[in-house]
Amino acid sequence: MTAARAYKLQSTTRCPCCGADRIVMDIDAAKTWATVAYQRHAGFTVKDGEITVTGICHAGTNLAAYLMNAETMGPRREVSG
């Protein structure tokens, strides 16, 4: 399973969060180790047999902020300013 996860990182050429291009890839399938990084700061590695986060893409955070703002707008669609 770990080798499959290393190959998964190898085959992911774009950030799964925002689609940014991959800029760094290092893989050793024999040792079942891999790491990737993308233009907008997202990064992943295989650690203890699992794909884990090494850098966070801001796309998800920006979406969350947008949704929280939209959720808290009053009926007049208030605009801060």
PDB file of N, CA and C in Angstrom:
ATOM      1  N   MET A   1       0.821  -1.196   0.000  1.00  0.00           N
ATOM      2  CA  MET A   1       0.000   0.000   0.000  1.00  0.00           C
ATOM      3  C   MET A   1       0.864   1.259   0.000  1.00  0.00           C
ATOM      4  N   THR A   2       1.966   1.250   0.747  1.00  0.00           N
ATOM      5  CA  THR A   2       2.813   2.437   0.822  1.00  0.00           C
ATOM      6  C   THR A   2       3.396   2.776  -0.544  1.00  0.00           C
ATOM      7  N   ALA A   3       3.804   1.767  -1.314  1.00  0.00           N
ATOM      8  CA  ALA A   3       4.332   2.027  -2.656  1.00  0.00           C
ATOM      9  C   ALA A   3       3.256   2.660  -3.525  1.00  0.00           C
ATOM     10  N   ALA A   4       2.026   2.210  -3.387  1.00  0.00           N
ATOM     11  CA  ALA A   4       0.920   2.792  -4.153  1.00  0.00           C
ATOM     12  C   ALA A   4       0.740   4.261  -3.794  1.00  0.00           C
ATOM     13  N   ARG A   5       0.938   4.597  -2.540  1.00  0.00           N
ATOM     14  CA  ARG A   5       0.796   5.991  -2.112  1.00  0.00           C
ATOM     15  C   ARG A   5       1.954   6.843  -2.632  1.00  0.00           C
ATOM     16  N   ALA A   6       3.145   6.276  -2.663  1.00  0.00           N
ATOM     17  CA  ALA A   6       4.285   6.995  -3.238  1.00  0.00           C
ATOM     18  C   ALA A   6       4.044   7.252  -4.722  1.00  0.00           C
ATOM     19  N   TYR A   7       3.546   6.251  -5.436  1.00  0.00           N
ATOM     20  CA  TYR A   7       3.245   6.427  -6.853  1.00  0.00           C
ATOM     21  C   TYR A   7       2.095   7.415  -7.060  1.00  0.00           C
ATOM     22  N   LYS A   8       1.135   7.447  -6.136  1.00  0.00           N
ATOM     23  CA  LYS A   8       0.038   8.413  -6.222  1.00  0.00           C
ATOM     24  C   LYS A   8       0.590   9.832  -6.181  1.00  0.00           C
ATOM     25  N   LEU A   9       1.508  10.091  -5.256  1.00  0.00           N
ATOM     26  CA  LEU A   9       2.118  11.419  -5.197  1.00  0.00           C
ATOM     27  C   LEU A   9       2.891  11.713  -6.477  1.00  0.00           C
ATOM     28  N   GLN A  10       3.587  10.707  -6.986  1.00  0.00           N
ATOM     29  CA  GLN A  10       4.359  10.885  -8.212  1.00  0.00           C
ATOM     30  C   GLN A  10       3.443  11.259  -9.377  1.00  0.00           C
ATOM     31  N   SER A  11       2.265  10.686  -9.432  1.00  0.00           N
ATOM     32  CA  SER A  11       1.374  10.922 -10.571  1.00  0.00           C
ATOM     33  C   SER A  11       0.532  12.191 -10.434  1.00  0.00           C
ATOM     34  N   THR A  12       0.554  12.815  -9.268  1.00  0.00           N
ATOM     35  CA  THR A  12      -0.253  14.015  -9.047  1.00  0.00           C
ATOM     36  C   THR A  12       0.569  15.240  -9.437  1.00  0.00           C
ATOM     37  N   THR A  13       0.373  15.703 -10.659  1.00  0.00           N
ATOM     38  CA  THR A  13       1.172  16.810 -11.183  1.00  0.00           C
ATOM     39  C   THR A  13       0.595  18.177 -10.841  1.00  0.00           C
ATOM     40  N   ARG A  14      -0.634  18.206 -10.354  1.00  0.00           N
ATOM     41  CA  ARG A  14      -1.281  19.466  -9.966  1.00  0.00           C
ATOM     42  C   ARG A  14      -1.816  19.349  -8.545  1.00  0.00           C
ATOM     43  N   CYS A  15      -1.830  20.467  -7.848  1.00  0.00           N
ATOM     44  CA  CYS A  15      -2.332  20.501  -6.475  1.00  0.00           C
ATOM     45  C   CYS A  15      -3.772  19.997  -6.446  1.00  0.00           C
ATOM     46  N   PRO A  16      -4.074  19.032  -5.598  1.00  0.00           N
ATOM     47  CA  PRO A  16      -5.443  18.524  -5.523  1.00  0.00           C
ATOM     48  C   PRO A  16      -6.419  19.536  -4.925  1.00  0.00           C
ATOM     49  N   CYS A  17      -5.914  20.622  -4.343  1.00  0.00           N
ATOM     50  CA  CYS A  17      -6.784  21.656  -3.755  1.00  0.00           C
ATOM     51  C   CYS A  17      -7.121  22.757  -4.750  1.00  0.00           C
ATOM     52  N   CYS A  18      -6.111  23.235  -5.495  1.00  0.00           N
ATOM     53  CA  CYS A  18      -6.333  24.417  -6.339  1.00  0.00           C
ATOM     54  C   CYS A  18      -5.885  24.240  -7.784  1.00  0.00           C
ATOM     55  N   GLY A  19      -5.165  23.181  -8.084  1.00  0.00           N
ATOM     56  CA  GLY A  19      -4.717  22.945  -9.456  1.00  0.00           C
ATOM     57  C   GLY A  19      -3.371  23.552  -9.814  1.00  0.00           C
ATOM     58  N   ALA A  20      -2.668  24.146  -8.829  1.00  0.00           N
ATOM     59  CA  ALA A  20      -1.349  24.734  -9.098  1.00  0.00           C
ATOM     60  C   ALA A  20      -0.370  23.653  -9.554  1.00  0.00           C
ATOM     61  N   ASP A  21       0.596  24.057 -10.356  1.00  0.00           N
ATOM     62  CA  ASP A  21       1.600  23.123 -10.871  1.00  0.00           C
ATOM     63  C   ASP A  21       2.515  22.603  -9.770  1.00  0.00           C
ATOM     64  N   ARG A  22       2.939  21.361  -9.935  1.00  0.00           N
ATOM     65  CA  ARG A  22       3.928  20.777  -9.025  1.00  0.00           C
ATOM     66  C   ARG A  22       5.280  21.403  -9.339  1.00  0.00           C
ATOM     67  N   ILE A  23       6.044  21.752  -8.306  1.00  0.00           N
ATOM     68  CA  ILE A  23       7.360  22.353  -8.518  1.00  0.00           C
ATOM     69  C   ILE A  23       8.488  21.505  -7.951  1.00  0.00           C
ATOM     70  N   VAL A  24       8.177  20.587  -7.041  1.00  0.00           N
ATOM     71  CA  VAL A  24       9.189  19.713  -6.439  1.00  0.00           C
ATOM     72  C   VAL A  24       8.623  18.303  -6.365  1.00  0.00           C
ATOM     73  N   MET A  25       9.447  17.336  -6.725  1.00  0.00           N
ATOM     74  CA  MET A  25       9.070  15.941  -6.534  1.00  0.00           C
ATOM     75  C   MET A  25      10.326  15.147  -6.229  1.00  0.00           C
ATOM     76  N   ASP A  26      10.275  14.353  -5.202  1.00  0.00           N
ATOM     77  CA  ASP A  26      11.364  13.447  -4.859  1.00  0.00           C
ATOM     78  C   ASP A  26      10.714  12.136  -4.466  1.00  0.00           C
ATOM     79  N   ILE A  27      11.111  11.055  -5.109  1.00  0.00           N
ATOM     80  CA  ILE A  27      10.483   9.764  -4.846  1.00  0.00           C
ATOM     81  C   ILE A  27      11.521   8.662  -4.865  1.00  0.00           C
ATOM     82  N   ASP A  28      11.361   7.724  -3.967  1.00  0.00           N
ATOM     83  CA  ASP A  28      12.143   6.497  -3.949  1.00  0.00           C
ATOM     84  C   ASP A  28      11.151   5.367  -3.717  1.00  0.00           C
ATOM     85  N   ALA A  29      10.624   4.839  -4.808  1.00  0.00           N
ATOM     86  CA  ALA A  29       9.580   3.817  -4.708  1.00  0.00           C
ATOM     87  C   ALA A  29      10.079   2.563  -3.998  1.00  0.00           C
ATOM     88  N   ALA A  30      11.357   2.245  -4.162  1.00  0.00           N
ATOM     89  CA  ALA A  30      11.904   1.060  -3.497  1.00  0.00           C
ATOM     90  C   ALA A  30      11.845   1.209  -1.981  1.00  0.00           C
ATOM     91  N   LYS A  31      12.066   2.420  -1.507  1.00  0.00           N
ATOM     92  CA  LYS A  31      11.999   2.681  -0.065  1.00  0.00           C
ATOM     93  C   LYS A  31      10.617   3.183   0.349  1.00  0.00           C
ATOM     94  N   THR A  32       9.701   3.205  -0.617  1.00  0.00           N
ATOM     95  CA  THR A  32       8.326   3.671  -0.401  1.00  0.00           C
ATOM     96  C   THR A  32       8.284   5.037   0.269  1.00  0.00           C
ATOM     97  N   TRP A  33       9.028   5.957  -0.321  1.00  0.00           N
ATOM     98  CA  TRP A  33       9.101   7.318   0.193  1.00  0.00           C
ATOM     99  C   TRP A  33       8.891   8.288  -0.957  1.00  0.00           C
ATOM    100  N   ALA A  34       8.148   9.362  -0.705  1.00  0.00           N
ATOM    101  CA  ALA A  34       7.933  10.384  -1.726  1.00  0.00           C
ATOM    102  C   ALA A  34       7.563  11.693  -1.058  1.00  0.00           C
ATOM    103  N   THR A  35       7.881  12.789  -1.745  1.00  0.00           N
ATOM    104  CA  THR A  35       7.442  14.110  -1.301  1.00  0.00           C
ATOM    105  C   THR A  35       7.191  14.960  -2.537  1.00  0.00           C
ATOM    106  N   VAL A  36       6.162  15.790  -2.476  1.00  0.00           N
ATOM    107  CA  VAL A  36       5.852  16.707  -3.567  1.00  0.00           C
ATOM    108  C   VAL A  36       5.482  18.066  -2.983  1.00  0.00           C
ATOM    109  N   ALA A  37       5.710  19.116  -3.781  1.00  0.00           N
ATOM    110  CA  ALA A  37       5.311  20.471  -3.398  1.00  0.00           C
ATOM    111  C   ALA A  37       4.762  21.161  -4.637  1.00  0.00           C
ATOM    112  N   TYR A  38       3.862  22.089  -4.402  1.00  0.00           N
ATOM    113  CA  TYR A  38       3.178  22.791  -5.484  1.00  0.00           C
ATOM    114  C   TYR A  38       3.401  24.293  -5.364  1.00  0.00           C
ATOM    115  N   GLN A  39       3.142  25.022  -6.448  1.00  0.00           N
ATOM    116  CA  GLN A  39       3.424  26.457  -6.521  1.00  0.00           C
ATOM    117  C   GLN A  39       2.798  27.268  -5.395  1.00  0.00           C
ATOM    118  N   ARG A  40       1.628  26.937  -4.961  1.00  0.00           N
ATOM    119  CA  ARG A  40       0.946  27.756  -3.954  1.00  0.00           C
ATOM    120  C   ARG A  40       1.079  27.170  -2.553  1.00  0.00           C
ATOM    121  N   HIS A  41       2.194  26.547  -2.284  1.00  0.00           N
ATOM    122  CA  HIS A  41       2.619  26.123  -0.950  1.00  0.00           C
ATOM    123  C   HIS A  41       2.082  24.785  -0.446  1.00  0.00           C
ATOM    124  N   ALA A  42       1.200  24.126  -1.154  1.00  0.00           N
ATOM    125  CA  ALA A  42       0.750  22.811  -0.698  1.00  0.00           C
ATOM    126  C   ALA A  42       1.900  21.826  -0.838  1.00  0.00           C
ATOM    127  N   GLY A  43       1.952  20.867   0.065  1.00  0.00           N
ATOM    128  CA  GLY A  43       2.962  19.829  -0.004  1.00  0.00           C
ATOM    129  C   GLY A  43       2.468  18.567   0.669  1.00  0.00           C
ATOM    130  N   PHE A  44       2.936  17.438   0.181  1.00  0.00           N
ATOM    131  CA  PHE A  44       2.544  16.145   0.727  1.00  0.00           C
ATOM    132  C   PHE A  44       3.760  15.236   0.774  1.00  0.00           C
ATOM    133  N   THR A  45       3.747  14.306   1.716  1.00  0.00           N
ATOM    134  CA  THR A  45       4.793  13.301   1.810  1.00  0.00           C
ATOM    135  C   THR A  45       4.166  11.997   2.288  1.00  0.00           C
ATOM    136  N   VAL A  46       4.896  10.909   2.133  1.00  0.00           N
ATOM    137  CA  VAL A  46       4.466   9.634   2.701  1.00  0.00           C
ATOM    138  C   VAL A  46       5.230   9.448   3.998  1.00  0.00           C
ATOM    139  N   LYS A  47       4.494   9.329   5.090  1.00  0.00           N
ATOM    140  CA  LYS A  47       5.095   9.153   6.412  1.00  0.00           C
ATOM    141  C   LYS A  47       4.321   8.069   7.143  1.00  0.00           C
ATOM    142  N   ASP A  48       5.038   7.104   7.674  1.00  0.00           N
ATOM    143  CA  ASP A  48       4.416   5.975   8.372  1.00  0.00           C
ATOM    144  C   ASP A  48       3.349   5.300   7.516  1.00  0.00           C
ATOM    145  N   GLY A  49       3.607   5.224   6.207  1.00  0.00           N
ATOM    146  CA  GLY A  49       2.709   4.527   5.299  1.00  0.00           C
ATOM    147  C   GLY A  49       1.491   5.308   4.853  1.00  0.00           C
ATOM    148  N   GLU A  50       1.360   6.560   5.287  1.00  0.00           N
ATOM    149  CA  GLU A  50       0.203   7.386   4.942  1.00  0.00           C
ATOM    150  C   GLU A  50       0.660   8.653   4.223  1.00  0.00           C
ATOM    151  N   ILE A  51      -0.180   9.165   3.328  1.00  0.00           N
ATOM    152  CA  ILE A  51       0.073  10.471   2.726  1.00  0.00           C
ATOM    153  C   ILE A  51      -0.304  11.523   3.760  1.00  0.00           C
ATOM    154  N   THR A  52       0.636  12.418   4.065  1.00  0.00           N
ATOM    155  CA  THR A  52       0.394  13.462   5.059  1.00  0.00           C
ATOM    156  C   THR A  52       0.731  14.834   4.476  1.00  0.00           C
ATOM    157  N   VAL A  53       0.245  15.861   5.120  1.00  0.00           N
ATOM    158  CA  VAL A  53       0.429  17.243   4.674  1.00  0.00           C
ATOM    159  C   VAL A  53       1.754  17.794   5.185  1.00  0.00           C
ATOM    160  N   THR A  54       2.508  18.447   4.284  1.00  0.00           N
ATOM    161  CA  THR A  54       3.731  19.143   4.696  1.00  0.00           C
ATOM    162  C   THR A  54       3.635  20.641   4.449  1.00  0.00           C
ATOM    163  N   GLY A  55       2.683  21.054   3.650  1.00  0.00           N
ATOM    164  CA  GLY A  55       2.451  22.469   3.370  1.00  0.00           C
ATOM    165  C   GLY A  55       0.997  22.664   3.010  1.00  0.00           C
ATOM    166  N   ILE A  56       0.443  23.798   3.390  1.00  0.00           N
ATOM    167  CA  ILE A  56      -0.993  24.011   3.233  1.00  0.00           C
ATOM    168  C   ILE A  56      -1.284  24.923   2.053  1.00  0.00           C
ATOM    169  N   CYS A  57      -2.218  24.502   1.206  1.00  0.00           N
ATOM    170  CA  CYS A  57      -2.707  25.309   0.095  1.00  0.00           C
ATOM    171  C   CYS A  57      -3.731  26.295   0.646  1.00  0.00           C
ATOM    172  N   HIS A  58      -3.608  27.532   0.239  1.00  0.00           N
ATOM    173  CA  HIS A  58      -4.516  28.558   0.748  1.00  0.00           C
ATOM    174  C   HIS A  58      -5.884  28.529   0.073  1.00  0.00           C
ATOM    175  N   ALA A  59      -6.054  27.735  -0.960  1.00  0.00           N
ATOM    176  CA  ALA A  59      -7.339  27.687  -1.660  1.00  0.00           C
ATOM    177  C   ALA A  59      -8.462  27.278  -0.716  1.00  0.00           C
ATOM    178  N   GLY A  60      -8.237  26.265   0.083  1.00  0.00           N
ATOM    179  CA  GLY A  60      -9.258  25.815   1.025  1.00  0.00           C
ATOM    180  C   GLY A  60      -9.555  26.851   2.089  1.00  0.00           C
ATOM    181  N   THR A  61      -8.533  27.522   2.588  1.00  0.00           N
ATOM    182  CA  THR A  61      -8.710  28.552   3.606  1.00  0.00           C
ATOM    183  C   THR A  61      -9.452  29.748   3.031  1.00  0.00           C
ATOM    184  N   ASN A  62      -9.108  30.148   1.811  1.00  0.00           N
ATOM    185  CA  ASN A  62      -9.813  31.256   1.167  1.00  0.00           C
ATOM    186  C   ASN A  62     -11.278  30.915   0.945  1.00  0.00           C
ATOM    187  N   LEU A  63     -11.558  29.693   0.532  1.00  0.00           N
ATOM    188  CA  LEU A  63     -12.940  29.265   0.343  1.00  0.00           C
ATOM    189  C   LEU A  63     -13.697  29.292   1.665  1.00  0.00           C
ATOM    190  N   ALA A  64     -13.073  28.809   2.727  1.00  0.00           N
ATOM    191  CA  ALA A  64     -13.722  28.810   4.043  1.00  0.00           C
ATOM    192  C   ALA A  64     -14.051  30.232   4.486  1.00  0.00           C
ATOM    193  N   ALA A  65     -13.128  31.176   4.297  1.00  0.00           N
ATOM    194  CA  ALA A  65     -13.375  32.571   4.667  1.00  0.00           C
ATOM    195  C   ALA A  65     -14.529  33.148   3.851  1.00  0.00           C
ATOM    196  N   TYR A  66     -14.540  32.870   2.567  1.00  0.00           N
ATOM    197  CA  TYR A  66     -15.618  33.346   1.706  1.00  0.00           C
ATOM    198  C   TYR A  66     -16.966  32.800   2.180  1.00  0.00           C
ATOM    199  N   LEU A  67     -17.028  31.516   2.463  1.00  0.00           N
ATOM    200  CA  LEU A  67     -18.280  30.896   2.897  1.00  0.00           C
ATOM    201  C   LEU A  67     -18.737  31.429   4.249  1.00  0.00           C
ATOM    202  N   MET A  68     -17.798  31.649   5.182  1.00  0.00           N
ATOM    203  CA  MET A  68     -18.183  32.206   6.483  1.00  0.00           C
ATOM    204  C   MET A  68     -18.707  33.629   6.325  1.00  0.00           C
ATOM    205  N   ASN A  69     -18.069  34.421   5.459  1.00  0.00           N
ATOM    206  CA  ASN A  69     -18.564  35.773   5.205  1.00  0.00           C
ATOM    207  C   ASN A  69     -19.951  35.736   4.575  1.00  0.00           C
ATOM    208  N   ALA A  70     -20.141  34.863   3.605  1.00  0.00           N
ATOM    209  CA  ALA A  70     -21.441  34.749   2.949  1.00  0.00           C
ATOM    210  C   ALA A  70     -22.517  34.312   3.939  1.00  0.00           C
ATOM    211  N   GLU A  71     -22.165  33.395   4.819  1.00  0.00           N
ATOM    212  CA  GLU A  71     -23.115  32.879   5.802  1.00  0.00           C
ATOM    213  C   GLU A  71     -23.549  33.951   6.796  1.00  0.00           C
ATOM    214  N   THR A  72     -22.670  34.893   7.097  1.00  0.00           N
ATOM    215  CA  THR A  72     -22.974  35.888   8.120  1.00  0.00           C
ATOM    216  C   THR A  72     -23.494  37.201   7.555  1.00  0.00           C
ATOM    217  N   MET A  73     -23.686  37.282   6.251  1.00  0.00           N
ATOM    218  CA  MET A  73     -24.246  38.503   5.668  1.00  0.00           C
ATOM    219  C   MET A  73     -25.723  38.595   6.021  1.00  0.00           C
ATOM    220  N   GLY A  74     -26.136  39.790   6.372  1.00  0.00           N
ATOM    221  CA  GLY A  74     -27.539  40.019   6.700  1.00  0.00           C
ATOM    222  C   GLY A  74     -28.392  40.052   5.441  1.00  0.00           C
ATOM    223  N   PRO A  75     -29.693  40.266   5.620  1.00  0.00           N
ATOM    224  CA  PRO A  75     -30.606  40.288   4.480  1.00  0.00           C
ATOM    225  C   PRO A  75     -30.313  41.423   3.494  1.00  0.00           C
ATOM    226  N   ARG A  76     -29.632  42.481   3.956  1.00  0.00           N
ATOM    227  CA  ARG A  76     -29.295  43.602   3.066  1.00  0.00           C
ATOM    228  C   ARG A  76     -28.020  43.339   2.284  1.00  0.00           C
ATOM    229  N   ARG A  77     -27.393  42.197   2.490  1.00  0.00           N
ATOM    230  CA  ARG A  77     -26.108  41.862   1.859  1.00  0.00           C
ATOM    231  C   ARG A  77     -25.085  42.923   2.202  1.00  0.00           C
ATOM    232  N   GLU A  78     -24.870  43.102   3.494  1.00  0.00           N
ATOM    233  CA  GLU A  78     -23.958  44.114   4.019  1.00  0.00           C
ATOM    234  C   GLU A  78     -22.577  44.002   3.396  1.00  0.00           C
ATOM    235  N   VAL A  79     -21.990  45.142   3.177  1.00  0.00           N
ATOM    236  CA  VAL A  79     -20.621  45.200   2.671  1.00  0.00           C
ATOM    237  C   VAL A  79     -19.804  45.965   3.694  1.00  0.00           C
ATOM    238  N   SER A  80     -18.704  45.362   4.126  1.00  0.00           N
ATOM    239  CA  SER A  80     -17.861  46.062   5.099  1.00  0.00           C
ATOM    240  C   SER A  80     -17.071  47.137   4.376  1.00  0.00           C
ATOM    241  N   GLY A  81     -16.702  48.143   5.113  1.00  0.00           N
ATOM    242  CA  GLY A  81     -15.928  49.126   4.408  1.00  0.00           C
ATOM    243  C   GLY A  81     -15.482  50.199   5.260  1.00  0.00           C
TER     244      GLY A  81
END
